[in-house]
Amino acid sequence: MTIQMTIRVRNELGRPAMLTLEPWGEVRALGVDEEVDIQAKGPGPEEQHDGGFVQVDMTADGINVWGWSGSVLEIMSGVPK
């Protein structure tokens, strides 16, 4: 079974930050309070033990979003305010 989801990420760091999709290394700059949607699609837990698990890390350098084994993540255009 394929899992598909949309994750909304907002930069609340109070300064411009880099959003990185891991492990692919795709990078996008995010302004202060800017939001983007990330579409994730990949195998479910019956095919991959970590299927459907997305990890989001806020660091001093920015925001890192990790996909699961066999998944594909895509940064969509900004979210209208």
Protein backbone atom coordinates (compact mmCIF):
# COMPACT_ATOMS: atom_id res chain seq x y z
CA MET A 1 0.00 0.00 0.00
CA THR A 2 1.27 3.47 -0.88
CA ILE A 3 1.06 6.26 1.67
CA GLN A 4 0.63 9.86 0.54
CA MET A 5 0.47 12.93 2.78
CA THR A 6 1.00 16.68 2.83
CA ILE A 7 3.03 18.31 5.60
CA ARG A 8 2.92 22.07 6.21
CA VAL A 9 6.17 23.60 7.51
CA ARG A 10 6.42 27.16 8.84
CA ASN A 11 9.65 28.99 9.64
CA GLU A 12 9.19 30.26 13.19
CA LEU A 13 12.90 30.73 13.87
CA GLY A 14 12.57 34.53 13.71
CA ARG A 15 15.09 34.78 10.86
CA PRO A 16 15.43 33.44 7.31
CA ALA A 17 16.26 29.73 7.32
CA MET A 18 17.06 26.88 4.96
CA LEU A 19 14.58 24.01 4.55
CA THR A 20 16.33 20.78 3.58
CA LEU A 21 14.72 17.54 2.42
CA GLU A 22 16.81 14.62 3.58
CA PRO A 23 18.43 12.40 2.51
CA TRP A 24 18.16 13.98 -0.95
CA GLY A 25 19.72 17.32 -0.01
CA GLU A 26 17.09 19.45 -1.78
CA VAL A 27 17.28 22.93 -0.23
CA ARG A 28 14.90 25.91 -0.28
CA ALA A 29 15.22 29.24 1.51
CA LEU A 30 12.32 30.18 3.80
CA GLY A 31 11.64 33.73 4.92
CA VAL A 32 10.49 34.58 8.43
CA ASP A 33 7.02 33.06 9.04
CA GLU A 34 6.96 31.66 5.48
CA GLU A 35 5.04 28.40 5.01
CA VAL A 36 5.42 25.66 2.41
CA ASP A 37 3.68 22.36 1.86
CA ILE A 38 5.71 19.20 1.39
CA GLN A 39 4.11 16.27 -0.40
CA ALA A 40 5.34 12.86 0.73
CA LYS A 41 4.64 9.57 -1.00
CA GLY A 42 6.08 6.11 -0.49
CA PRO A 43 5.60 2.54 0.66
CA GLY A 44 3.53 1.83 3.75
CA PRO A 45 4.67 0.01 6.89
CA GLU A 46 3.82 -3.39 5.43
CA GLU A 47 6.57 -2.81 2.81
CA GLN A 48 9.05 -0.72 4.84
CA HIS A 49 9.33 -0.90 8.62
CA ASP A 50 9.46 2.92 8.80
CA GLY A 51 6.77 3.49 6.16
CA GLY A 52 4.91 6.75 6.59
CA PHE A 53 7.15 8.14 9.33
CA VAL A 54 8.34 11.70 8.60
CA GLN A 55 10.83 13.36 10.94
CA VAL A 56 11.17 17.15 11.22
CA ASP A 57 14.24 18.61 12.95
CA MET A 58 14.61 22.28 13.87
CA THR A 59 18.30 23.16 14.19
CA ALA A 60 20.40 26.31 14.49
CA ASP A 61 21.04 25.98 10.74
CA GLY A 62 17.42 25.58 9.65
CA ILE A 63 14.69 22.97 9.23
CA ASN A 64 15.40 19.40 8.07
CA VAL A 65 12.60 17.10 6.92
CA TRP A 66 13.46 13.41 6.61
CA GLY A 67 11.50 10.98 4.45
CA TRP A 68 11.24 7.24 5.09
CA SER A 69 12.81 4.36 3.15
CA GLY A 70 11.60 4.37 -0.45
CA SER A 71 9.69 7.66 -0.12
CA VAL A 72 9.78 10.76 -2.31
CA LEU A 73 9.29 14.23 -0.83
CA GLU A 74 8.59 17.33 -2.89
CA ILE A 75 8.49 20.95 -1.76
CA MET A 76 5.38 22.62 -3.17
CA SER A 77 4.98 26.35 -3.71
CA GLY A 78 4.43 28.64 -0.74
CA VAL A 79 1.15 28.66 1.11
CA PRO A 80 -1.02 31.75 0.48
CA LYS A 81 -1.66 33.87 3.57
